[in-house]
């Protein structure tokens, strides 16, 4: 089973894909945008085989999606969260088993 460390989180081999959806200008998406600027390069470097999709769409509320084995998906709202809170959500989804 593949595990990768990002900061304090270990990404399990169960996670197949991460998706971040946010608005490129909306105030509610500010933390998600800052998260991508600060942490995405390290996240991708530490998880080179994990598809990580970043999607900007005008007017939407920010949301994090994770896809696991057997097609299971979960999501969490990132509305008005700061970049460190977004990181905690990413780490939690990445370490889910």
PDB file of N, CA and C in Angstrom:
ATOM      1  N   UNK A   1       0.846  -1.174   0.000  1.00  0.00           N
ATOM      2  CA  UNK A   1       0.000   0.000   0.000  1.00  0.00           C
ATOM      3  C   UNK A   1       0.892   1.237   0.000  1.00  0.00           C
ATOM      4  N   UNK A   2       0.541   2.219  -0.821  1.00  0.00           N
ATOM      5  CA  UNK A   2       1.314   3.444  -0.963  1.00  0.00           C
ATOM      6  C   UNK A   2       0.925   4.425   0.132  1.00  0.00           C
ATOM      7  N   UNK A   3       1.924   4.993   0.814  1.00  0.00           N
ATOM      8  CA  UNK A   3       1.680   6.100   1.738  1.00  0.00           C
ATOM      9  C   UNK A   3       2.695   7.183   1.453  1.00  0.00           C
ATOM     10  N   UNK A   4       2.258   8.404   1.542  1.00  0.00           N
ATOM     11  CA  UNK A   4       3.118   9.543   1.280  1.00  0.00           C
ATOM     12  C   UNK A   4       2.904  10.560   2.381  1.00  0.00           C
ATOM     13  N   UNK A   5       3.975  11.220   2.796  1.00  0.00           N
ATOM     14  CA  UNK A   5       3.886  12.182   3.883  1.00  0.00           C
ATOM     15  C   UNK A   5       3.800  13.592   3.314  1.00  0.00           C
ATOM     16  N   UNK A   6       2.851  14.371   3.800  1.00  0.00           N
ATOM     17  CA  UNK A   6       2.790  15.806   3.529  1.00  0.00           C
ATOM     18  C   UNK A   6       2.636  16.470   4.878  1.00  0.00           C
ATOM     19  N   UNK A   7       3.641  17.163   5.324  1.00  0.00           N
ATOM     20  CA  UNK A   7       3.580  17.743   6.652  1.00  0.00           C
ATOM     21  C   UNK A   7       3.408  16.640   7.671  1.00  0.00           C
ATOM     22  N   UNK A   8       2.249  16.636   8.319  1.00  0.00           N
ATOM     23  CA  UNK A   8       1.973  15.634   9.332  1.00  0.00           C
ATOM     24  C   UNK A   8       1.048  14.529   8.836  1.00  0.00           C
ATOM     25  N   UNK A   9       0.553  14.626   7.610  1.00  0.00           N
ATOM     26  CA  UNK A   9      -0.428  13.661   7.113  1.00  0.00           C
ATOM     27  C   UNK A   9       0.231  12.601   6.254  1.00  0.00           C
ATOM     28  N   UNK A  10      -0.287  11.389   6.329  1.00  0.00           N
ATOM     29  CA  UNK A  10       0.135  10.317   5.437  1.00  0.00           C
ATOM     30  C   UNK A  10      -1.032  10.004   4.518  1.00  0.00           C
ATOM     31  N   UNK A  11      -0.808  10.131   3.225  1.00  0.00           N
ATOM     32  CA  UNK A  11      -1.864   9.821   2.275  1.00  0.00           C
ATOM     33  C   UNK A  11      -1.903   8.317   2.084  1.00  0.00           C
ATOM     34  N   UNK A  12      -3.059   7.739   2.290  1.00  0.00           N
ATOM     35  CA  UNK A  12      -3.206   6.295   2.159  1.00  0.00           C
ATOM     36  C   UNK A  12      -3.328   5.922   0.688  1.00  0.00           C
ATOM     37  N   UNK A  13      -3.120   4.671   0.404  1.00  0.00           N
ATOM     38  CA  UNK A  13      -3.278   4.171  -0.956  1.00  0.00           C
ATOM     39  C   UNK A  13      -4.733   4.099  -1.380  1.00  0.00           C
ATOM     40  N   UNK A  14      -5.653   4.326  -0.440  1.00  0.00           N
ATOM     41  CA  UNK A  14      -7.081   4.268  -0.756  1.00  0.00           C
ATOM     42  C   UNK A  14      -7.549   5.461  -1.567  1.00  0.00           C
ATOM     43  N   UNK A  15      -6.880   6.592  -1.439  1.00  0.00           N
ATOM     44  CA  UNK A  15      -7.330   7.789  -2.153  1.00  0.00           C
ATOM     45  C   UNK A  15      -6.864   7.712  -3.601  1.00  0.00           C
ATOM     46  N   UNK A  16      -7.789   7.969  -4.504  1.00  0.00           N
ATOM     47  CA  UNK A  16      -7.507   7.865  -5.939  1.00  0.00           C
ATOM     48  C   UNK A  16      -7.430   9.218  -6.625  1.00  0.00           C
ATOM     49  N   UNK A  17      -8.082  10.251  -6.044  1.00  0.00           N
ATOM     50  CA  UNK A  17      -8.114  11.562  -6.689  1.00  0.00           C
ATOM     51  C   UNK A  17      -8.581  12.609  -5.689  1.00  0.00           C
ATOM     52  N   UNK A  18      -7.990  13.803  -5.779  1.00  0.00           N
ATOM     53  CA  UNK A  18      -8.447  14.972  -5.019  1.00  0.00           C
ATOM     54  C   UNK A  18      -8.889  16.035  -6.012  1.00  0.00           C
ATOM     55  N   UNK A  19      -9.987  16.728  -5.700  1.00  0.00           N
ATOM     56  CA  UNK A  19     -10.448  17.825  -6.546  1.00  0.00           C
ATOM     57  C   UNK A  19     -10.768  19.022  -5.668  1.00  0.00           C
ATOM     58  N   UNK A  20     -10.242  20.163  -6.043  1.00  0.00           N
ATOM     59  CA  UNK A  20     -10.549  21.426  -5.375  1.00  0.00           C
ATOM     60  C   UNK A  20     -11.330  22.286  -6.353  1.00  0.00           C
ATOM     61  N   UNK A  21     -12.518  22.699  -5.956  1.00  0.00           N
ATOM     62  CA  UNK A  21     -13.349  23.585  -6.774  1.00  0.00           C
ATOM     63  C   UNK A  21     -13.495  24.900  -6.024  1.00  0.00           C
ATOM     64  N   UNK A  22     -13.263  26.012  -6.710  1.00  0.00           N
ATOM     65  CA  UNK A  22     -13.422  27.318  -6.070  1.00  0.00           C
ATOM     66  C   UNK A  22     -13.597  28.402  -7.112  1.00  0.00           C
ATOM     67  N   UNK A  23     -14.058  29.560  -6.641  1.00  0.00           N
ATOM     68  CA  UNK A  23     -14.249  30.732  -7.489  1.00  0.00           C
ATOM     69  C   UNK A  23     -12.942  31.524  -7.526  1.00  0.00           C
ATOM     70  N   UNK A  24     -12.574  32.005  -8.689  1.00  0.00           N
ATOM     71  CA  UNK A  24     -11.308  32.731  -8.817  1.00  0.00           C
ATOM     72  C   UNK A  24     -11.340  34.123  -8.196  1.00  0.00           C
ATOM     73  N   UNK A  25     -12.534  34.656  -7.902  1.00  0.00           N
ATOM     74  CA  UNK A  25     -12.610  36.002  -7.328  1.00  0.00           C
ATOM     75  C   UNK A  25     -13.435  36.092  -6.050  1.00  0.00           C
ATOM     76  N   UNK A  26     -14.244  35.110  -5.752  1.00  0.00           N
ATOM     77  CA  UNK A  26     -15.151  35.171  -4.605  1.00  0.00           C
ATOM     78  C   UNK A  26     -14.435  35.198  -3.266  1.00  0.00           C
ATOM     79  N   UNK A  27     -14.963  35.993  -2.345  1.00  0.00           N
ATOM     80  CA  UNK A  27     -14.369  36.114  -1.012  1.00  0.00           C
ATOM     81  C   UNK A  27     -14.430  34.789  -0.254  1.00  0.00           C
ATOM     82  N   UNK A  28     -15.490  34.019  -0.432  1.00  0.00           N
ATOM     83  CA  UNK A  28     -15.634  32.736   0.266  1.00  0.00           C
ATOM     84  C   UNK A  28     -14.578  31.726  -0.169  1.00  0.00           C
ATOM     85  N   UNK A  29     -13.967  31.956  -1.341  1.00  0.00           N
ATOM     86  CA  UNK A  29     -12.948  31.051  -1.877  1.00  0.00           C
ATOM     87  C   UNK A  29     -11.522  31.518  -1.609  1.00  0.00           C
ATOM     88  N   UNK A  30     -11.359  32.620  -0.908  1.00  0.00           N
ATOM     89  CA  UNK A  30     -10.028  33.189  -0.694  1.00  0.00           C
ATOM     90  C   UNK A  30      -9.065  32.182  -0.063  1.00  0.00           C
ATOM     91  N   UNK A  31      -9.498  31.475   0.961  1.00  0.00           N
ATOM     92  CA  UNK A  31      -8.634  30.498   1.625  1.00  0.00           C
ATOM     93  C   UNK A  31      -8.238  29.353   0.711  1.00  0.00           C
ATOM     94  N   UNK A  32      -9.162  28.915  -0.135  1.00  0.00           N
ATOM     95  CA  UNK A  32      -8.856  27.839  -1.082  1.00  0.00           C
ATOM     96  C   UNK A  32      -7.819  28.303  -2.102  1.00  0.00           C
ATOM     97  N   UNK A  33      -7.959  29.538  -2.574  1.00  0.00           N
ATOM     98  CA  UNK A  33      -6.972  30.072  -3.524  1.00  0.00           C
ATOM     99  C   UNK A  33      -5.596  30.182  -2.871  1.00  0.00           C
ATOM    100  N   UNK A  34      -5.562  30.683  -1.635  1.00  0.00           N
ATOM    101  CA  UNK A  34      -4.287  30.802  -0.920  1.00  0.00           C
ATOM    102  C   UNK A  34      -3.684  29.428  -0.644  1.00  0.00           C
ATOM    103  N   UNK A  35      -4.529  28.450  -0.342  1.00  0.00           N
ATOM    104  CA  UNK A  35      -4.042  27.086  -0.126  1.00  0.00           C
ATOM    105  C   UNK A  35      -3.306  26.590  -1.370  1.00  0.00           C
ATOM    106  N   UNK A  36      -3.919  26.776  -2.534  1.00  0.00           N
ATOM    107  CA  UNK A  36      -3.301  26.314  -3.780  1.00  0.00           C
ATOM    108  C   UNK A  36      -1.959  27.007  -3.995  1.00  0.00           C
ATOM    109  N   UNK A  37      -1.894  28.308  -3.750  1.00  0.00           N
ATOM    110  CA  UNK A  37      -0.640  29.038  -3.932  1.00  0.00           C
ATOM    111  C   UNK A  37       0.443  28.568  -2.969  1.00  0.00           C
ATOM    112  N   UNK A  38       0.088  28.334  -1.720  1.00  0.00           N
ATOM    113  CA  UNK A  38       1.074  27.963  -0.699  1.00  0.00           C
ATOM    114  C   UNK A  38       1.458  26.491  -0.707  1.00  0.00           C
ATOM    115  N   UNK A  39       0.464  25.622  -0.803  1.00  0.00           N
ATOM    116  CA  UNK A  39       0.691  24.210  -0.511  1.00  0.00           C
ATOM    117  C   UNK A  39       0.629  23.263  -1.704  1.00  0.00           C
ATOM    118  N   UNK A  40       0.016  23.667  -2.797  1.00  0.00           N
ATOM    119  CA  UNK A  40      -0.115  22.743  -3.926  1.00  0.00           C
ATOM    120  C   UNK A  40       1.228  22.210  -4.420  1.00  0.00           C
ATOM    121  N   UNK A  41       2.261  23.047  -4.601  1.00  0.00           N
ATOM    122  CA  UNK A  41       3.528  22.497  -5.107  1.00  0.00           C
ATOM    123  C   UNK A  41       4.086  21.366  -4.233  1.00  0.00           C
ATOM    124  N   UNK A  42       4.052  21.531  -2.923  1.00  0.00           N
ATOM    125  CA  UNK A  42       4.548  20.483  -2.027  1.00  0.00           C
ATOM    126  C   UNK A  42       3.649  19.256  -2.065  1.00  0.00           C
ATOM    127  N   UNK A  43       2.346  19.484  -2.090  1.00  0.00           N
ATOM    128  CA  UNK A  43       1.399  18.375  -2.137  1.00  0.00           C
ATOM    129  C   UNK A  43       1.644  17.525  -3.375  1.00  0.00           C
ATOM    130  N   UNK A  44       1.807  18.162  -4.520  1.00  0.00           N
ATOM    131  CA  UNK A  44       2.017  17.420  -5.766  1.00  0.00           C
ATOM    132  C   UNK A  44       3.385  16.749  -5.777  1.00  0.00           C
ATOM    133  N   UNK A  45       4.384  17.424  -5.248  1.00  0.00           N
ATOM    134  CA  UNK A  45       5.728  16.834  -5.188  1.00  0.00           C
ATOM    135  C   UNK A  45       5.728  15.574  -4.329  1.00  0.00           C
ATOM    136  N   UNK A  46       5.014  15.617  -3.209  1.00  0.00           N
ATOM    137  CA  UNK A  46       4.977  14.486  -2.289  1.00  0.00           C
ATOM    138  C   UNK A  46       4.029  13.378  -2.741  1.00  0.00           C
ATOM    139  N   UNK A  47       3.156  13.681  -3.683  1.00  0.00           N
ATOM    140  CA  UNK A  47       2.166  12.715  -4.175  1.00  0.00           C
ATOM    141  C   UNK A  47       2.123  12.729  -5.702  1.00  0.00           C
ATOM    142  N   UNK A  48       3.242  12.400  -6.353  1.00  0.00           N
ATOM    143  CA  UNK A  48       3.310  12.565  -7.811  1.00  0.00           C
ATOM    144  C   UNK A  48       2.340  11.682  -8.596  1.00  0.00           C
ATOM    145  N   UNK A  49       1.926  10.568  -8.034  1.00  0.00           N
ATOM    146  CA  UNK A  49       1.035   9.661  -8.759  1.00  0.00           C
ATOM    147  C   UNK A  49      -0.443   9.898  -8.471  1.00  0.00           C
ATOM    148  N   UNK A  50      -0.731  10.814  -7.563  1.00  0.00           N
ATOM    149  CA  UNK A  50      -2.117  11.100  -7.197  1.00  0.00           C
ATOM    150  C   UNK A  50      -2.664  12.222  -8.078  1.00  0.00           C
ATOM    151  N   UNK A  51      -3.730  11.971  -8.826  1.00  0.00           N
ATOM    152  CA  UNK A  51      -4.335  13.059  -9.589  1.00  0.00           C
ATOM    153  C   UNK A  51      -4.929  14.104  -8.636  1.00  0.00           C
ATOM    154  N   UNK A  52      -4.495  15.344  -8.803  1.00  0.00           N
ATOM    155  CA  UNK A  52      -5.010  16.459  -8.011  1.00  0.00           C
ATOM    156  C   UNK A  52      -5.520  17.491  -9.007  1.00  0.00           C
ATOM    157  N   UNK A  53      -6.827  17.681  -9.024  1.00  0.00           N
ATOM    158  CA  UNK A  53      -7.441  18.586  -9.983  1.00  0.00           C
ATOM    159  C   UNK A  53      -7.858  19.868  -9.292  1.00  0.00           C
ATOM    160  N   UNK A  54      -7.479  20.986  -9.860  1.00  0.00           N
ATOM    161  CA  UNK A  54      -7.843  22.301  -9.340  1.00  0.00           C
ATOM    162  C   UNK A  54      -8.753  22.946 -10.379  1.00  0.00           C
ATOM    163  N   UNK A  55      -9.984  23.238  -9.975  1.00  0.00           N
ATOM    164  CA  UNK A  55     -10.972  23.788 -10.900  1.00  0.00           C
ATOM    165  C   UNK A  55     -11.485  25.126 -10.398  1.00  0.00           C
ATOM    166  N   UNK A  56     -11.336  26.143 -11.234  1.00  0.00           N
ATOM    167  CA  UNK A  56     -11.891  27.462 -10.938  1.00  0.00           C
ATOM    168  C   UNK A  56     -13.172  27.626 -11.749  1.00  0.00           C
ATOM    169  N   UNK A  57     -14.204  28.122 -11.088  1.00  0.00           N
ATOM    170  CA  UNK A  57     -15.484  28.336 -11.761  1.00  0.00           C
ATOM    171  C   UNK A  57     -16.149  29.547 -11.122  1.00  0.00           C
ATOM    172  N   UNK A  58     -16.505  30.496 -11.917  1.00  0.00           N
ATOM    173  CA  UNK A  58     -17.078  31.740 -11.425  1.00  0.00           C
ATOM    174  C   UNK A  58     -18.365  31.508 -10.642  1.00  0.00           C
ATOM    175  N   UNK A  59     -18.415  32.097  -9.449  1.00  0.00           N
ATOM    176  CA  UNK A  59     -19.632  32.113  -8.659  1.00  0.00           C
ATOM    177  C   UNK A  59     -19.931  30.891  -7.811  1.00  0.00           C
ATOM    178  N   UNK A  60     -19.051  29.898  -7.764  1.00  0.00           N
ATOM    179  CA  UNK A  60     -19.349  28.707  -6.957  1.00  0.00           C
ATOM    180  C   UNK A  60     -18.767  28.833  -5.557  1.00  0.00           C
ATOM    181  N   UNK A  61     -19.295  28.039  -4.646  1.00  0.00           N
ATOM    182  CA  UNK A  61     -18.753  27.948  -3.293  1.00  0.00           C
ATOM    183  C   UNK A  61     -17.613  26.926  -3.315  1.00  0.00           C
ATOM    184  N   UNK A  62     -16.539  27.184  -2.581  1.00  0.00           N
ATOM    185  CA  UNK A  62     -15.397  26.266  -2.612  1.00  0.00           C
ATOM    186  C   UNK A  62     -15.732  24.925  -1.963  1.00  0.00           C
ATOM    187  N   UNK A  63     -15.197  23.873  -2.553  1.00  0.00           N
ATOM    188  CA  UNK A  63     -15.481  22.522  -2.066  1.00  0.00           C
ATOM    189  C   UNK A  63     -14.296  21.618  -2.395  1.00  0.00           C
ATOM    190  N   UNK A  64     -14.019  20.693  -1.499  1.00  0.00           N
ATOM    191  CA  UNK A  64     -12.974  19.691  -1.690  1.00  0.00           C
ATOM    192  C   UNK A  64     -13.648  18.340  -1.869  1.00  0.00           C
ATOM    193  N   UNK A  65     -13.247  17.626  -2.907  1.00  0.00           N
ATOM    194  CA  UNK A  65     -13.777  16.294  -3.193  1.00  0.00           C
ATOM    195  C   UNK A  65     -12.631  15.301  -3.139  1.00  0.00           C
ATOM    196  N   UNK A  66     -12.906  14.113  -2.628  1.00  0.00           N
ATOM    197  CA  UNK A  66     -11.941  13.018  -2.651  1.00  0.00           C
ATOM    198  C   UNK A  66     -12.640  11.779  -3.189  1.00  0.00           C
ATOM    199  N   UNK A  67     -11.938  11.087  -4.077  1.00  0.00           N
ATOM    200  CA  UNK A  67     -12.466   9.826  -4.611  1.00  0.00           C
ATOM    201  C   UNK A  67     -11.576   8.705  -4.101  1.00  0.00           C
ATOM    202  N   UNK A  68     -12.208   7.659  -3.599  1.00  0.00           N
ATOM    203  CA  UNK A  68     -11.506   6.511  -3.036  1.00  0.00           C
ATOM    204  C   UNK A  68     -11.792   5.281  -3.890  1.00  0.00           C
ATOM    205  N   UNK A  69     -11.233   4.153  -3.494  1.00  0.00           N
ATOM    206  CA  UNK A  69     -11.489   2.904  -4.190  1.00  0.00           C
ATOM    207  C   UNK A  69     -12.969   2.576  -4.216  1.00  0.00           C
ATOM    208  N   UNK A  70     -13.363   1.751  -5.173  1.00  0.00           N
ATOM    209  CA  UNK A  70     -14.752   1.321  -5.339  1.00  0.00           C
ATOM    210  C   UNK A  70     -15.681   2.488  -5.670  1.00  0.00           C
ATOM    211  N   UNK A  71     -15.137   3.600  -6.153  1.00  0.00           N
ATOM    212  CA  UNK A  71     -15.946   4.731  -6.592  1.00  0.00           C
ATOM    213  C   UNK A  71     -16.540   5.591  -5.496  1.00  0.00           C
ATOM    214  N   UNK A  72     -16.159   5.350  -4.253  1.00  0.00           N
ATOM    215  CA  UNK A  72     -16.700   6.149  -3.150  1.00  0.00           C
ATOM    216  C   UNK A  72     -16.136   7.565  -3.221  1.00  0.00           C
ATOM    217  N   UNK A  73     -17.012   8.562  -3.083  1.00  0.00           N
ATOM    218  CA  UNK A  73     -16.592   9.960  -3.057  1.00  0.00           C
ATOM    219  C   UNK A  73     -17.124  10.641  -1.809  1.00  0.00           C
ATOM    220  N   UNK A  74     -16.316  11.548  -1.287  1.00  0.00           N
ATOM    221  CA  UNK A  74     -16.753  12.395  -0.184  1.00  0.00           C
ATOM    222  C   UNK A  74     -16.367  13.821  -0.526  1.00  0.00           C
ATOM    223  N   UNK A  75     -17.080  14.760   0.077  1.00  0.00           N
ATOM    224  CA  UNK A  75     -16.745  16.162  -0.151  1.00  0.00           C
ATOM    225  C   UNK A  75     -16.981  16.942   1.123  1.00  0.00           C
ATOM    226  N   UNK A  76     -16.331  18.090   1.188  1.00  0.00           N
ATOM    227  CA  UNK A  76     -16.476  18.977   2.333  1.00  0.00           C
ATOM    228  C   UNK A  76     -16.447  20.416   1.818  1.00  0.00           C
ATOM    229  N   UNK A  77     -17.245  21.259   2.428  1.00  0.00           N
ATOM    230  CA  UNK A  77     -17.276  22.670   2.066  1.00  0.00           C
ATOM    231  C   UNK A  77     -16.020  23.362   2.584  1.00  0.00           C
ATOM    232  N   UNK A  78     -15.475  24.260   1.779  1.00  0.00           N
ATOM    233  CA  UNK A  78     -14.317  25.062   2.171  1.00  0.00           C
ATOM    234  C   UNK A  78     -14.697  26.535   2.303  1.00  0.00           C
ATOM    235  N   UNK A  79     -15.981  26.821   2.339  1.00  0.00           N
ATOM    236  CA  UNK A  79     -16.474  28.192   2.377  1.00  0.00           C
ATOM    237  C   UNK A  79     -15.921  28.943   3.577  1.00  0.00           C
ATOM    238  N   UNK A  80     -15.282  30.068   3.294  1.00  0.00           N
ATOM    239  CA  UNK A  80     -14.734  30.989   4.294  1.00  0.00           C
ATOM    240  C   UNK A  80     -13.664  30.381   5.192  1.00  0.00           C
ATOM    241  N   UNK A  81     -13.056  29.274   4.784  1.00  0.00           N
ATOM    242  CA  UNK A  81     -11.956  28.705   5.559  1.00  0.00           C
ATOM    243  C   UNK A  81     -10.646  29.359   5.150  1.00  0.00           C
ATOM    244  N   UNK A  82      -9.714  29.454   6.084  1.00  0.00           N
ATOM    245  CA  UNK A  82      -8.378  29.940   5.780  1.00  0.00           C
ATOM    246  C   UNK A  82      -7.552  28.830   5.149  1.00  0.00           C
ATOM    247  N   UNK A  83      -6.396  29.174   4.580  1.00  0.00           N
ATOM    248  CA  UNK A  83      -5.579  28.165   3.905  1.00  0.00           C
ATOM    249  C   UNK A  83      -5.123  27.032   4.823  1.00  0.00           C
ATOM    250  N   UNK A  84      -4.867  27.321   6.087  1.00  0.00           N
ATOM    251  CA  UNK A  84      -4.446  26.261   7.001  1.00  0.00           C
ATOM    252  C   UNK A  84      -5.598  25.315   7.326  1.00  0.00           C
ATOM    253  N   UNK A  85      -6.814  25.852   7.390  1.00  0.00           N
ATOM    254  CA  UNK A  85      -7.984  24.995   7.598  1.00  0.00           C
ATOM    255  C   UNK A  85      -8.252  24.132   6.367  1.00  0.00           C
ATOM    256  N   UNK A  86      -8.031  24.698   5.183  1.00  0.00           N
ATOM    257  CA  UNK A  86      -8.168  23.915   3.951  1.00  0.00           C
ATOM    258  C   UNK A  86      -7.153  22.777   3.979  1.00  0.00           C
ATOM    259  N   UNK A  87      -5.932  23.083   4.393  1.00  0.00           N
ATOM    260  CA  UNK A  87      -4.890  22.050   4.466  1.00  0.00           C
ATOM    261  C   UNK A  87      -5.305  20.925   5.413  1.00  0.00           C
ATOM    262  N   UNK A  88      -5.885  21.264   6.547  1.00  0.00           N
ATOM    263  CA  UNK A  88      -6.335  20.233   7.494  1.00  0.00           C
ATOM    264  C   UNK A  88      -7.378  19.324   6.851  1.00  0.00           C
ATOM    265  N   UNK A  89      -8.276  19.910   6.070  1.00  0.00           N
ATOM    266  CA  UNK A  89      -9.285  19.105   5.377  1.00  0.00           C
ATOM    267  C   UNK A  89      -8.653  18.202   4.327  1.00  0.00           C
ATOM    268  N   UNK A  90      -7.680  18.729   3.585  1.00  0.00           N
ATOM    269  CA  UNK A  90      -6.982  17.917   2.582  1.00  0.00           C
ATOM    270  C   UNK A  90      -6.272  16.758   3.270  1.00  0.00           C
ATOM    271  N   UNK A  91      -5.572  17.050   4.361  1.00  0.00           N
ATOM    272  CA  UNK A  91      -4.854  16.001   5.086  1.00  0.00           C
ATOM    273  C   UNK A  91      -5.813  14.951   5.632  1.00  0.00           C
ATOM    274  N   UNK A  92      -6.955  15.382   6.155  1.00  0.00           N
ATOM    275  CA  UNK A  92      -7.932  14.433   6.700  1.00  0.00           C
ATOM    276  C   UNK A  92      -8.464  13.511   5.603  1.00  0.00           C
ATOM    277  N   UNK A  93      -8.771  14.079   4.447  1.00  0.00           N
ATOM    278  CA  UNK A  93      -9.275  13.247   3.355  1.00  0.00           C
ATOM    279  C   UNK A  93      -8.185  12.337   2.810  1.00  0.00           C
ATOM    280  N   UNK A  94      -6.967  12.842   2.771  1.00  0.00           N
ATOM    281  CA  UNK A  94      -5.861  12.041   2.256  1.00  0.00           C
ATOM    282  C   UNK A  94      -5.469  10.891   3.153  1.00  0.00           C
ATOM    283  N   UNK A  95      -5.745  11.020   4.434  1.00  0.00           N
ATOM    284  CA  UNK A  95      -5.356   9.953   5.361  1.00  0.00           C
ATOM    285  C   UNK A  95      -6.511   9.011   5.679  1.00  0.00           C
ATOM    286  N   UNK A  96      -7.696   9.269   5.106  1.00  0.00           N
ATOM    287  CA  UNK A  96      -8.842   8.380   5.341  1.00  0.00           C
ATOM    288  C   UNK A  96      -8.542   7.002   4.787  1.00  0.00           C
ATOM    289  N   UNK A  97      -9.029   6.021   5.478  1.00  0.00           N
ATOM    290  CA  UNK A  97      -8.760   4.637   5.067  1.00  0.00           C
ATOM    291  C   UNK A  97     -10.025   3.946   4.653  1.00  0.00           C
TER     292      UNK A  97
END
